Amino acid sequence: MGGRPMILEVALLQIKPGDGHRFEQAFPQAEKVLVQAKGRLSHELRRCIETPDRYLLLVRWETLEAHTEGFRGSPLFQQWRAVIGPFFDGAPVVEHYEELRGGAAA
């Protein structure tokens, strides 16, 4: 990483009403694609308690470019979208965050 902070991709995924269970069943296949992405450090998927068809995908990348240029510009991204894209109810809201402060609580 060369001293550069890792980047956190935050993707809000709105799934078509009633398709949440099928989306969750398909996600492991999409995960197999995502873990192959160069620069991907880790990821997690969370379901919203208040809005069950809404999911939060958090992906840690070595750099912003690893996601925006490397992954999105690769055939892996096409495979990824082919698996989970049909479940989306509109385009995901994707933002990237950098860490300002870290460490364990005192």
PDB file of N, CA and C in Angstrom:
ATOM      1  N   MET A   1       0.817  -1.199   0.000  1.00  0.00           N
ATOM      2  CA  MET A   1       0.000   0.000   0.000  1.00  0.00           C
ATOM      3  C   MET A   1       0.854   1.255   0.000  1.00  0.00           C
ATOM      4  N   GLY A   2       2.122   1.127   0.300  1.00  0.00           N
ATOM      5  CA  GLY A   2       3.006   2.272   0.204  1.00  0.00           C
ATOM      6  C   GLY A   2       2.649   3.422   1.112  1.00  0.00           C
ATOM      7  N   GLY A   3       2.039   3.157   2.279  1.00  0.00           N
ATOM      8  CA  GLY A   3       1.699   4.217   3.201  1.00  0.00           C
ATOM      9  C   GLY A   3       0.380   4.914   2.892  1.00  0.00           C
ATOM     10  N   ARG A   4      -0.188   4.653   1.732  1.00  0.00           N
ATOM     11  CA  ARG A   4      -1.481   5.266   1.397  1.00  0.00           C
ATOM     12  C   ARG A   4      -2.578   4.551   2.162  1.00  0.00           C
ATOM     13  N   PRO A   5      -3.537   5.294   2.685  1.00  0.00           N
ATOM     14  CA  PRO A   5      -4.606   4.657   3.450  1.00  0.00           C
ATOM     15  C   PRO A   5      -5.524   3.830   2.552  1.00  0.00           C
ATOM     16  N   MET A   6      -6.044   2.785   3.115  1.00  0.00           N
ATOM     17  CA  MET A   6      -7.004   1.989   2.357  1.00  0.00           C
ATOM     18  C   MET A   6      -8.287   2.786   2.178  1.00  0.00           C
ATOM     19  N   ILE A   7      -9.024   2.403   1.156  1.00  0.00           N
ATOM     20  CA  ILE A   7     -10.271   3.085   0.798  1.00  0.00           C
ATOM     21  C   ILE A   7     -11.438   2.153   1.120  1.00  0.00           C
ATOM     22  N   LEU A   8     -12.484   2.726   1.688  1.00  0.00           N
ATOM     23  CA  LEU A   8     -13.695   1.970   1.971  1.00  0.00           C
ATOM     24  C   LEU A   8     -14.765   2.365   0.964  1.00  0.00           C
ATOM     25  N   GLU A   9     -15.184   1.398   0.173  1.00  0.00           N
ATOM     26  CA  GLU A   9     -16.311   1.595  -0.745  1.00  0.00           C
ATOM     27  C   GLU A   9     -17.581   1.273   0.025  1.00  0.00           C
ATOM     28  N   VAL A  10     -18.540   2.185  -0.008  1.00  0.00           N
ATOM     29  CA  VAL A  10     -19.830   1.992   0.644  1.00  0.00           C
ATOM     30  C   VAL A  10     -20.880   2.004  -0.458  1.00  0.00           C
ATOM     31  N   ALA A  11     -21.521   0.859  -0.654  1.00  0.00           N
ATOM     32  CA  ALA A  11     -22.527   0.740  -1.709  1.00  0.00           C
ATOM     33  C   ALA A  11     -23.875   0.411  -1.084  1.00  0.00           C
ATOM     34  N   LEU A  12     -24.844   1.272  -1.327  1.00  0.00           N
ATOM     35  CA  LEU A  12     -26.206   1.057  -0.860  1.00  0.00           C
ATOM     36  C   LEU A  12     -26.972   0.380  -1.989  1.00  0.00           C
ATOM     37  N   LEU A  13     -27.400  -0.849  -1.754  1.00  0.00           N
ATOM     38  CA  LEU A  13     -28.064  -1.651  -2.778  1.00  0.00           C
ATOM     39  C   LEU A  13     -29.548  -1.782  -2.445  1.00  0.00           C
ATOM     40  N   GLN A  14     -30.385  -1.220  -3.272  1.00  0.00           N
ATOM     41  CA  GLN A  14     -31.826  -1.386  -3.111  1.00  0.00           C
ATOM     42  C   GLN A  14     -32.244  -2.537  -4.014  1.00  0.00           C
ATOM     43  N   ILE A  15     -32.796  -3.574  -3.412  1.00  0.00           N
ATOM     44  CA  ILE A  15     -33.183  -4.782  -4.131  1.00  0.00           C
ATOM     45  C   ILE A  15     -34.678  -4.719  -4.436  1.00  0.00           C
ATOM     46  N   LYS A  16     -35.067  -5.273  -5.571  1.00  0.00           N
ATOM     47  CA  LYS A  16     -36.483  -5.270  -5.953  1.00  0.00           C
ATOM     48  C   LYS A  16     -37.313  -5.902  -4.837  1.00  0.00           C
ATOM     49  N   PRO A  17     -38.486  -5.334  -4.555  1.00  0.00           N
ATOM     50  CA  PRO A  17     -39.325  -5.842  -3.467  1.00  0.00           C
ATOM     51  C   PRO A  17     -39.547  -7.356  -3.575  1.00  0.00           C
ATOM     52  N   GLY A  18     -39.306  -8.030  -2.474  1.00  0.00           N
ATOM     53  CA  GLY A  18     -39.523  -9.467  -2.413  1.00  0.00           C
ATOM     54  C   GLY A  18     -38.384 -10.320  -2.937  1.00  0.00           C
ATOM     55  N   ASP A  19     -37.336  -9.700  -3.500  1.00  0.00           N
ATOM     56  CA  ASP A  19     -36.226 -10.459  -4.084  1.00  0.00           C
ATOM     57  C   ASP A  19     -35.025 -10.605  -3.140  1.00  0.00           C
ATOM     58  N   GLY A  20     -35.147 -10.115  -1.914  1.00  0.00           N
ATOM     59  CA  GLY A  20     -34.026 -10.142  -0.984  1.00  0.00           C
ATOM     60  C   GLY A  20     -33.464 -11.535  -0.756  1.00  0.00           C
ATOM     61  N   HIS A  21     -34.332 -12.494  -0.539  1.00  0.00           N
ATOM     62  CA  HIS A  21     -33.876 -13.860  -0.275  1.00  0.00           C
ATOM     63  C   HIS A  21     -33.115 -14.419  -1.474  1.00  0.00           C
ATOM     64  N   ARG A  22     -33.639 -14.203  -2.669  1.00  0.00           N
ATOM     65  CA  ARG A  22     -32.959 -14.683  -3.887  1.00  0.00           C
ATOM     66  C   ARG A  22     -31.626 -13.964  -4.080  1.00  0.00           C
ATOM     67  N   PHE A  23     -31.592 -12.667  -3.780  1.00  0.00           N
ATOM     68  CA  PHE A  23     -30.342 -11.902  -3.853  1.00  0.00           C
ATOM     69  C   PHE A  23     -29.306 -12.507  -2.906  1.00  0.00           C
ATOM     70  N   GLU A  24     -29.723 -12.801  -1.685  1.00  0.00           N
ATOM     71  CA  GLU A  24     -28.809 -13.385  -0.702  1.00  0.00           C
ATOM     72  C   GLU A  24     -28.304 -14.751  -1.155  1.00  0.00           C
ATOM     73  N   GLN A  25     -29.150 -15.516  -1.810  1.00  0.00           N
ATOM     74  CA  GLN A  25     -28.729 -16.818  -2.319  1.00  0.00           C
ATOM     75  C   GLN A  25     -27.729 -16.679  -3.464  1.00  0.00           C
ATOM     76  N   ALA A  26     -27.866 -15.630  -4.275  1.00  0.00           N
ATOM     77  CA  ALA A  26     -26.967 -15.401  -5.416  1.00  0.00           C
ATOM     78  C   ALA A  26     -25.658 -14.744  -4.997  1.00  0.00           C
ATOM     79  N   PHE A  27     -25.648 -14.055  -3.860  1.00  0.00           N
ATOM     80  CA  PHE A  27     -24.475 -13.276  -3.475  1.00  0.00           C
ATOM     81  C   PHE A  27     -23.193 -14.104  -3.351  1.00  0.00           C
ATOM     82  N   PRO A  28     -23.219 -15.324  -2.804  1.00  0.00           N
ATOM     83  CA  PRO A  28     -21.964 -16.096  -2.742  1.00  0.00           C
ATOM     84  C   PRO A  28     -21.303 -16.298  -4.102  1.00  0.00           C
ATOM     85  N   GLN A  29     -22.094 -16.406  -5.164  1.00  0.00           N
ATOM     86  CA  GLN A  29     -21.524 -16.528  -6.511  1.00  0.00           C
ATOM     87  C   GLN A  29     -20.831 -15.218  -6.903  1.00  0.00           C
ATOM     88  N   ALA A  30     -21.455 -14.093  -6.583  1.00  0.00           N
ATOM     89  CA  ALA A  30     -20.850 -12.790  -6.865  1.00  0.00           C
ATOM     90  C   ALA A  30     -19.586 -12.593  -6.026  1.00  0.00           C
ATOM     91  N   GLU A  31     -19.617 -13.095  -4.798  1.00  0.00           N
ATOM     92  CA  GLU A  31     -18.463 -13.003  -3.913  1.00  0.00           C
ATOM     93  C   GLU A  31     -17.239 -13.698  -4.495  1.00  0.00           C
ATOM     94  N   LYS A  32     -17.461 -14.836  -5.128  1.00  0.00           N
ATOM     95  CA  LYS A  32     -16.357 -15.586  -5.743  1.00  0.00           C
ATOM     96  C   LYS A  32     -15.675 -14.753  -6.824  1.00  0.00           C
ATOM     97  N   VAL A  33     -16.427 -13.875  -7.463  1.00  0.00           N
ATOM     98  CA  VAL A  33     -15.862 -12.970  -8.474  1.00  0.00           C
ATOM     99  C   VAL A  33     -15.119 -11.830  -7.775  1.00  0.00           C
ATOM    100  N   LEU A  34     -15.762 -11.234  -6.783  1.00  0.00           N
ATOM    101  CA  LEU A  34     -15.186 -10.078  -6.096  1.00  0.00           C
ATOM    102  C   LEU A  34     -13.839 -10.395  -5.450  1.00  0.00           C
ATOM    103  N   VAL A  35     -13.706 -11.565  -4.852  1.00  0.00           N
ATOM    104  CA  VAL A  35     -12.448 -11.891  -4.163  1.00  0.00           C
ATOM    105  C   VAL A  35     -11.267 -12.021  -5.118  1.00  0.00           C
ATOM    106  N   GLN A  36     -11.536 -12.140  -6.409  1.00  0.00           N
ATOM    107  CA  GLN A  36     -10.465 -12.215  -7.410  1.00  0.00           C
ATOM    108  C   GLN A  36      -9.934 -10.840  -7.808  1.00  0.00           C
ATOM    109  N   ALA A  37     -10.641  -9.779  -7.419  1.00  0.00           N
ATOM    110  CA  ALA A  37     -10.276  -8.427  -7.843  1.00  0.00           C
ATOM    111  C   ALA A  37      -8.955  -7.993  -7.214  1.00  0.00           C
ATOM    112  N   LYS A  38      -8.062  -7.517  -8.054  1.00  0.00           N
ATOM    113  CA  LYS A  38      -6.761  -7.021  -7.589  1.00  0.00           C
ATOM    114  C   LYS A  38      -6.998  -5.771  -6.734  1.00  0.00           C
ATOM    115  N   GLY A  39      -6.381  -5.755  -5.569  1.00  0.00           N
ATOM    116  CA  GLY A  39      -6.513  -4.597  -4.689  1.00  0.00           C
ATOM    117  C   GLY A  39      -7.652  -4.683  -3.692  1.00  0.00           C
ATOM    118  N   ARG A  40      -8.501  -5.709  -3.798  1.00  0.00           N
ATOM    119  CA  ARG A  40      -9.587  -5.888  -2.831  1.00  0.00           C
ATOM    120  C   ARG A  40      -8.992  -6.494  -1.571  1.00  0.00           C
ATOM    121  N   LEU A  41      -9.265  -5.873  -0.441  1.00  0.00           N
ATOM    122  CA  LEU A  41      -8.721  -6.338   0.828  1.00  0.00           C
ATOM    123  C   LEU A  41      -9.724  -7.183   1.610  1.00  0.00           C
ATOM    124  N   SER A  42     -10.966  -6.739   1.664  1.00  0.00           N
ATOM    125  CA  SER A  42     -12.010  -7.465   2.385  1.00  0.00           C
ATOM    126  C   SER A  42     -13.356  -6.869   1.999  1.00  0.00           C
ATOM    127  N   HIS A  43     -14.414  -7.553   2.407  1.00  0.00           N
ATOM    128  CA  HIS A  43     -15.753  -7.024   2.148  1.00  0.00           C
ATOM    129  C   HIS A  43     -16.735  -7.616   3.146  1.00  0.00           C
ATOM    130  N   GLU A  44     -17.875  -6.972   3.262  1.00  0.00           N
ATOM    131  CA  GLU A  44     -18.963  -7.498   4.076  1.00  0.00           C
ATOM    132  C   GLU A  44     -20.283  -6.992   3.507  1.00  0.00           C
ATOM    133  N   LEU A  45     -21.313  -7.800   3.681  1.00  0.00           N
ATOM    134  CA  LEU A  45     -22.650  -7.445   3.223  1.00  0.00           C
ATOM    135  C   LEU A  45     -23.565  -7.433   4.434  1.00  0.00           C
ATOM    136  N   ARG A  46     -24.365  -6.388   4.551  1.00  0.00           N
ATOM    137  CA  ARG A  46     -25.318  -6.262   5.661  1.00  0.00           C
ATOM    138  C   ARG A  46     -26.704  -5.954   5.120  1.00  0.00           C
ATOM    139  N   ARG A  47     -27.719  -6.519   5.779  1.00  0.00           N
ATOM    140  CA  ARG A  47     -29.117  -6.250   5.411  1.00  0.00           C
ATOM    141  C   ARG A  47     -29.677  -5.231   6.397  1.00  0.00           C
ATOM    142  N   CYS A  48     -30.450  -4.290   5.891  1.00  0.00           N
ATOM    143  CA  CYS A  48     -31.078  -3.275   6.725  1.00  0.00           C
ATOM    144  C   CYS A  48     -32.212  -3.905   7.544  1.00  0.00           C
ATOM    145  N   ILE A  49     -32.265  -3.568   8.802  1.00  0.00           N
ATOM    146  CA  ILE A  49     -33.309  -4.093   9.686  1.00  0.00           C
ATOM    147  C   ILE A  49     -34.647  -3.418   9.377  1.00  0.00           C
ATOM    148  N   GLU A  50     -34.629  -2.108   9.223  1.00  0.00           N
ATOM    149  CA  GLU A  50     -35.873  -1.369   8.993  1.00  0.00           C
ATOM    150  C   GLU A  50     -36.411  -1.532   7.578  1.00  0.00           C
ATOM    151  N   THR A  51     -35.532  -1.698   6.612  1.00  0.00           N
ATOM    152  CA  THR A  51     -35.932  -1.828   5.207  1.00  0.00           C
ATOM    153  C   THR A  51     -35.284  -3.096   4.663  1.00  0.00           C
ATOM    154  N   PRO A  52     -35.946  -4.259   4.800  1.00  0.00           N
ATOM    155  CA  PRO A  52     -35.321  -5.543   4.481  1.00  0.00           C
ATOM    156  C   PRO A  52     -34.829  -5.713   3.042  1.00  0.00           C
ATOM    157  N   ASP A  53     -35.316  -4.937   2.099  1.00  0.00           N
ATOM    158  CA  ASP A  53     -34.843  -5.046   0.714  1.00  0.00           C
ATOM    159  C   ASP A  53     -33.673  -4.105   0.436  1.00  0.00           C
ATOM    160  N   ARG A  54     -33.080  -3.538   1.486  1.00  0.00           N
ATOM    161  CA  ARG A  54     -31.932  -2.637   1.329  1.00  0.00           C
ATOM    162  C   ARG A  54     -30.714  -3.303   1.976  1.00  0.00           C
ATOM    163  N   TYR A  55     -29.598  -3.260   1.254  1.00  0.00           N
ATOM    164  CA  TYR A  55     -28.360  -3.885   1.719  1.00  0.00           C
ATOM    165  C   TYR A  55     -27.230  -2.872   1.663  1.00  0.00           C
ATOM    166  N   LEU A  56     -26.267  -3.076   2.522  1.00  0.00           N
ATOM    167  CA  LEU A  56     -25.075  -2.245   2.554  1.00  0.00           C
ATOM    168  C   LEU A  56     -23.892  -3.158   2.260  1.00  0.00           C
ATOM    169  N   LEU A  57     -23.170  -2.833   1.202  1.00  0.00           N
ATOM    170  CA  LEU A  57     -21.970  -3.575   0.844  1.00  0.00           C
ATOM    171  C   LEU A  57     -20.771  -2.696   1.152  1.00  0.00           C
ATOM    172  N   LEU A  58     -19.885  -3.200   1.984  1.00  0.00           N
ATOM    173  CA  LEU A  58     -18.667  -2.484   2.348  1.00  0.00           C
ATOM    174  C   LEU A  58     -17.484  -3.252   1.776  1.00  0.00           C
ATOM    175  N   VAL A  59     -16.690  -2.580   0.951  1.00  0.00           N
ATOM    176  CA  VAL A  59     -15.517  -3.227   0.359  1.00  0.00           C
ATOM    177  C   VAL A  59     -14.300  -2.373   0.659  1.00  0.00           C
ATOM    178  N   ARG A  60     -13.285  -3.000   1.208  1.00  0.00           N
ATOM    179  CA  ARG A  60     -12.031  -2.307   1.485  1.00  0.00           C
ATOM    180  C   ARG A  60     -11.079  -2.571   0.324  1.00  0.00           C
ATOM    181  N   TRP A  61     -10.551  -1.474  -0.224  1.00  0.00           N
ATOM    182  CA  TRP A  61      -9.642  -1.530  -1.371  1.00  0.00           C
ATOM    183  C   TRP A  61      -8.307  -0.926  -0.987  1.00  0.00           C
ATOM    184  N   GLU A  62      -7.241  -1.403  -1.618  1.00  0.00           N
ATOM    185  CA  GLU A  62      -5.911  -0.829  -1.380  1.00  0.00           C
ATOM    186  C   GLU A  62      -5.876   0.635  -1.796  1.00  0.00           C
ATOM    187  N   THR A  63      -6.493   0.941  -2.940  1.00  0.00           N
ATOM    188  CA  THR A  63      -6.525   2.313  -3.461  1.00  0.00           C
ATOM    189  C   THR A  63      -7.882   2.560  -4.111  1.00  0.00           C
ATOM    190  N   LEU A  64      -8.201   3.813  -4.318  1.00  0.00           N
ATOM    191  CA  LEU A  64      -9.428   4.170  -5.029  1.00  0.00           C
ATOM    192  C   LEU A  64      -9.396   3.603  -6.446  1.00  0.00           C
ATOM    193  N   GLU A  65      -8.228   3.693  -7.078  1.00  0.00           N
ATOM    194  CA  GLU A  65      -8.088   3.226  -8.461  1.00  0.00           C
ATOM    195  C   GLU A  65      -8.262   1.710  -8.589  1.00  0.00           C
ATOM    196  N   ALA A  66      -7.937   0.970  -7.533  1.00  0.00           N
ATOM    197  CA  ALA A  66      -8.136  -0.481  -7.572  1.00  0.00           C
ATOM    198  C   ALA A  66      -9.601  -0.799  -7.819  1.00  0.00           C
ATOM    199  N   HIS A  67     -10.483   0.038  -7.276  1.00  0.00           N
ATOM    200  CA  HIS A  67     -11.911  -0.162  -7.501  1.00  0.00           C
ATOM    201  C   HIS A  67     -12.385   0.508  -8.786  1.00  0.00           C
ATOM    202  N   THR A  68     -12.154   1.816  -8.883  1.00  0.00           N
ATOM    203  CA  THR A  68     -12.762   2.591  -9.969  1.00  0.00           C
ATOM    204  C   THR A  68     -12.190   2.276 -11.341  1.00  0.00           C
ATOM    205  N   GLU A  69     -10.909   1.955 -11.412  1.00  0.00           N
ATOM    206  CA  GLU A  69     -10.290   1.651 -12.704  1.00  0.00           C
ATOM    207  C   GLU A  69     -10.047   0.154 -12.866  1.00  0.00           C
ATOM    208  N   GLY A  70      -9.433  -0.450 -11.831  1.00  0.00           N
ATOM    209  CA  GLY A  70      -9.086  -1.864 -11.917  1.00  0.00           C
ATOM    210  C   GLY A  70     -10.303  -2.775 -11.990  1.00  0.00           C
ATOM    211  N   PHE A  71     -11.112  -2.774 -10.945  1.00  0.00           N
ATOM    212  CA  PHE A  71     -12.260  -3.681 -10.907  1.00  0.00           C
ATOM    213  C   PHE A  71     -13.343  -3.269 -11.896  1.00  0.00           C
ATOM    214  N   ARG A  72     -13.755  -2.014 -11.848  1.00  0.00           N
ATOM    215  CA  ARG A  72     -14.849  -1.583 -12.738  1.00  0.00           C
ATOM    216  C   ARG A  72     -14.486  -1.687 -14.206  1.00  0.00           C
ATOM    217  N   GLY A  73     -13.215  -1.607 -14.531  1.00  0.00           N
ATOM    218  CA  GLY A  73     -12.792  -1.698 -15.919  1.00  0.00           C
ATOM    219  C   GLY A  73     -12.437  -3.109 -16.364  1.00  0.00           C
ATOM    220  N   SER A  74     -12.696  -4.079 -15.508  1.00  0.00           N
ATOM    221  CA  SER A  74     -12.279  -5.449 -15.809  1.00  0.00           C
ATOM    222  C   SER A  74     -13.459  -6.347 -16.179  1.00  0.00           C
ATOM    223  N   PRO A  75     -13.172  -7.477 -16.804  1.00  0.00           N
ATOM    224  CA  PRO A  75     -14.227  -8.464 -17.078  1.00  0.00           C
ATOM    225  C   PRO A  75     -14.864  -8.992 -15.796  1.00  0.00           C
ATOM    226  N   LEU A  76     -14.133  -8.947 -14.683  1.00  0.00           N
ATOM    227  CA  LEU A  76     -14.702  -9.393 -13.408  1.00  0.00           C
ATOM    228  C   LEU A  76     -15.935  -8.573 -13.041  1.00  0.00           C
ATOM    229  N   PHE A  77     -15.883  -7.263 -13.326  1.00  0.00           N
ATOM    230  CA  PHE A  77     -17.027  -6.408 -12.999  1.00  0.00           C
ATOM    231  C   PHE A  77     -18.257  -6.829 -13.795  1.00  0.00           C
ATOM    232  N   GLN A  78     -18.061  -7.192 -15.046  1.00  0.00           N
ATOM    233  CA  GLN A  78     -19.191  -7.643 -15.869  1.00  0.00           C
ATOM    234  C   GLN A  78     -19.788  -8.926 -15.307  1.00  0.00           C
ATOM    235  N   GLN A  79     -18.925  -9.835 -14.843  1.00  0.00           N
ATOM    236  CA  GLN A  79     -19.405 -11.076 -14.227  1.00  0.00           C
ATOM    237  C   GLN A  79     -20.173 -10.776 -12.946  1.00  0.00           C
ATOM    238  N   TRP A  80     -19.622  -9.878 -12.154  1.00  0.00           N
ATOM    239  CA  TRP A  80     -20.224  -9.459 -10.875  1.00  0.00           C
ATOM    240  C   TRP A  80     -21.629  -8.912 -11.113  1.00  0.00           C
ATOM    241  N   ARG A  81     -21.740  -7.988 -12.062  1.00  0.00           N
ATOM    242  CA  ARG A  81     -23.048  -7.370 -12.347  1.00  0.00           C
ATOM    243  C   ARG A  81     -24.024  -8.353 -12.961  1.00  0.00           C
ATOM    244  N   ALA A  82     -23.531  -9.317 -13.720  1.00  0.00           N
ATOM    245  CA  ALA A  82     -24.422 -10.311 -14.325  1.00  0.00           C
ATOM    246  C   ALA A  82     -25.098 -11.165 -13.252  1.00  0.00           C
ATOM    247  N   VAL A  83     -24.394 -11.391 -12.143  1.00  0.00           N
ATOM    248  CA  VAL A  83     -24.944 -12.217 -11.071  1.00  0.00           C
ATOM    249  C   VAL A  83     -25.932 -11.442 -10.209  1.00  0.00           C
ATOM    250  N   ILE A  84     -25.552 -10.249  -9.749  1.00  0.00           N
ATOM    251  CA  ILE A  84     -26.416  -9.544  -8.795  1.00  0.00           C
ATOM    252  C   ILE A  84     -27.178  -8.358  -9.379  1.00  0.00           C
ATOM    253  N   GLY A  85     -26.742  -7.860 -10.530  1.00  0.00           N
ATOM    254  CA  GLY A  85     -27.409  -6.714 -11.150  1.00  0.00           C
ATOM    255  C   GLY A  85     -28.900  -6.893 -11.391  1.00  0.00           C
ATOM    256  N   PRO A  86     -29.359  -8.087 -11.809  1.00  0.00           N
ATOM    257  CA  PRO A  86     -30.792  -8.263 -12.055  1.00  0.00           C
ATOM    258  C   PRO A  86     -31.674  -8.057 -10.820  1.00  0.00           C
ATOM    259  N   PHE A  87     -31.085  -8.094  -9.638  1.00  0.00           N
ATOM    260  CA  PHE A  87     -31.863  -7.911  -8.411  1.00  0.00           C
ATOM    261  C   PHE A  87     -32.006  -6.440  -8.015  1.00  0.00           C
ATOM    262  N   PHE A  88     -31.189  -5.558  -8.613  1.00  0.00           N
ATOM    263  CA  PHE A  88     -31.188  -4.149  -8.227  1.00  0.00           C
ATOM    264  C   PHE A  88     -32.471  -3.443  -8.637  1.00  0.00           C
ATOM    265  N   ASP A  89     -32.984  -2.631  -7.731  1.00  0.00           N
ATOM    266  CA  ASP A  89     -34.131  -1.772  -8.007  1.00  0.00           C
ATOM    267  C   ASP A  89     -33.571  -0.356  -8.138  1.00  0.00           C
ATOM    268  N   GLY A  90     -32.986  -0.075  -9.292  1.00  0.00           N
ATOM    269  CA  GLY A  90     -32.301   1.195  -9.504  1.00  0.00           C
ATOM    270  C   GLY A  90     -30.802   1.027  -9.307  1.00  0.00           C
ATOM    271  N   ALA A  91     -30.068   2.035  -9.709  1.00  0.00           N
ATOM    272  CA  ALA A  91     -28.602   1.989  -9.611  1.00  0.00           C
ATOM    273  C   ALA A  91     -28.168   2.089  -8.154  1.00  0.00           C
ATOM    274  N   PRO A  92     -27.175   1.302  -7.749  1.00  0.00           N
ATOM    275  CA  PRO A  92     -26.649   1.431  -6.390  1.00  0.00           C
ATOM    276  C   PRO A  92     -26.043   2.813  -6.166  1.00  0.00           C
ATOM    277  N   VAL A  93     -26.116   3.269  -4.929  1.00  0.00           N
ATOM    278  CA  VAL A  93     -25.448   4.506  -4.541  1.00  0.00           C
ATOM    279  C   VAL A  93     -24.086   4.090  -3.996  1.00  0.00           C
ATOM    280  N   VAL A  94     -23.007   4.528  -4.662  1.00  0.00           N
ATOM    281  CA  VAL A  94     -21.657   4.107  -4.297  1.00  0.00           C
ATOM    282  C   VAL A  94     -20.820   5.341  -3.962  1.00  0.00           C
ATOM    283  N   GLU A  95     -20.196   5.293  -2.800  1.00  0.00           N
ATOM    284  CA  GLU A  95     -19.292   6.357  -2.374  1.00  0.00           C
ATOM    285  C   GLU A  95     -18.033   5.712  -1.807  1.00  0.00           C
ATOM    286  N   HIS A  96     -16.962   6.488  -1.773  1.00  0.00           N
ATOM    287  CA  HIS A  96     -15.679   6.009  -1.265  1.00  0.00           C
ATOM    288  C   HIS A  96     -15.246   6.885  -0.096  1.00  0.00           C
ATOM    289  N   TYR A  97     -14.715   6.228   0.924  1.00  0.00           N
ATOM    290  CA  TYR A  97     -14.312   6.939   2.143  1.00  0.00           C
ATOM    291  C   TYR A  97     -12.860   6.619   2.479  1.00  0.00           C
ATOM    292  N   GLU A  98     -12.172   7.637   3.006  1.00  0.00           N
ATOM    293  CA  GLU A  98     -10.820   7.450   3.484  1.00  0.00           C
ATOM    294  C   GLU A  98     -10.826   7.607   4.999  1.00  0.00           C
ATOM    295  N   GLU A  99      -9.945   6.887   5.646  1.00  0.00           N
ATOM    296  CA  GLU A  99      -9.872   6.930   7.107  1.00  0.00           C
ATOM    297  C   GLU A  99      -9.151   8.175   7.561  1.00  0.00           C
ATOM    298  N   LEU A 100      -9.738   8.871   8.518  1.00  0.00           N
ATOM    299  CA  LEU A 100      -9.097  10.049   9.086  1.00  0.00           C
ATOM    300  C   LEU A 100      -8.396   9.705  10.383  1.00  0.00           C
ATOM    301  N   ARG A 101      -9.060   8.880  11.165  1.00  0.00           N
ATOM    302  CA  ARG A 101      -8.486   8.433  12.434  1.00  0.00           C
ATOM    303  C   ARG A 101      -8.846   6.991  12.636  1.00  0.00           C
ATOM    304  N   GLY A 102      -7.988   6.251  13.254  1.00  0.00           N
ATOM    305  CA  GLY A 102      -8.267   4.848  13.508  1.00  0.00           C
ATOM    306  C   GLY A 102      -7.705   4.425  14.845  1.00  0.00           C
ATOM    307  N   GLY A 103      -7.904   3.182  15.126  1.00  0.00           N
ATOM    308  CA  GLY A 103      -7.373   2.637  16.361  1.00  0.00           C
ATOM    309  C   GLY A 103      -8.482   2.178  17.276  1.00  0.00           C
ATOM    310  N   ALA A 104      -8.086   1.459  18.280  1.00  0.00           N
ATOM    311  CA  ALA A 104      -9.048   0.912  19.239  1.00  0.00           C
ATOM    312  C   ALA A 104      -9.504   1.988  20.212  1.00  0.00           C
ATOM    313  N   ALA A 105     -10.711   1.796  20.713  1.00  0.00           N
ATOM    314  CA  ALA A 105     -11.248   2.712  21.721  1.00  0.00           C
ATOM    315  C   ALA A 105     -10.442   2.554  23.018  1.00  0.00           C
ATOM    316  N   ALA A 106     -10.289   3.634  23.744  1.00  0.00           N
ATOM    317  CA  ALA A 106      -9.501   3.599  24.991  1.00  0.00           C
ATOM    318  C   ALA A 106     -10.276   2.925  26.098  1.00  0.00           C
TER     319      ALA A 106
END
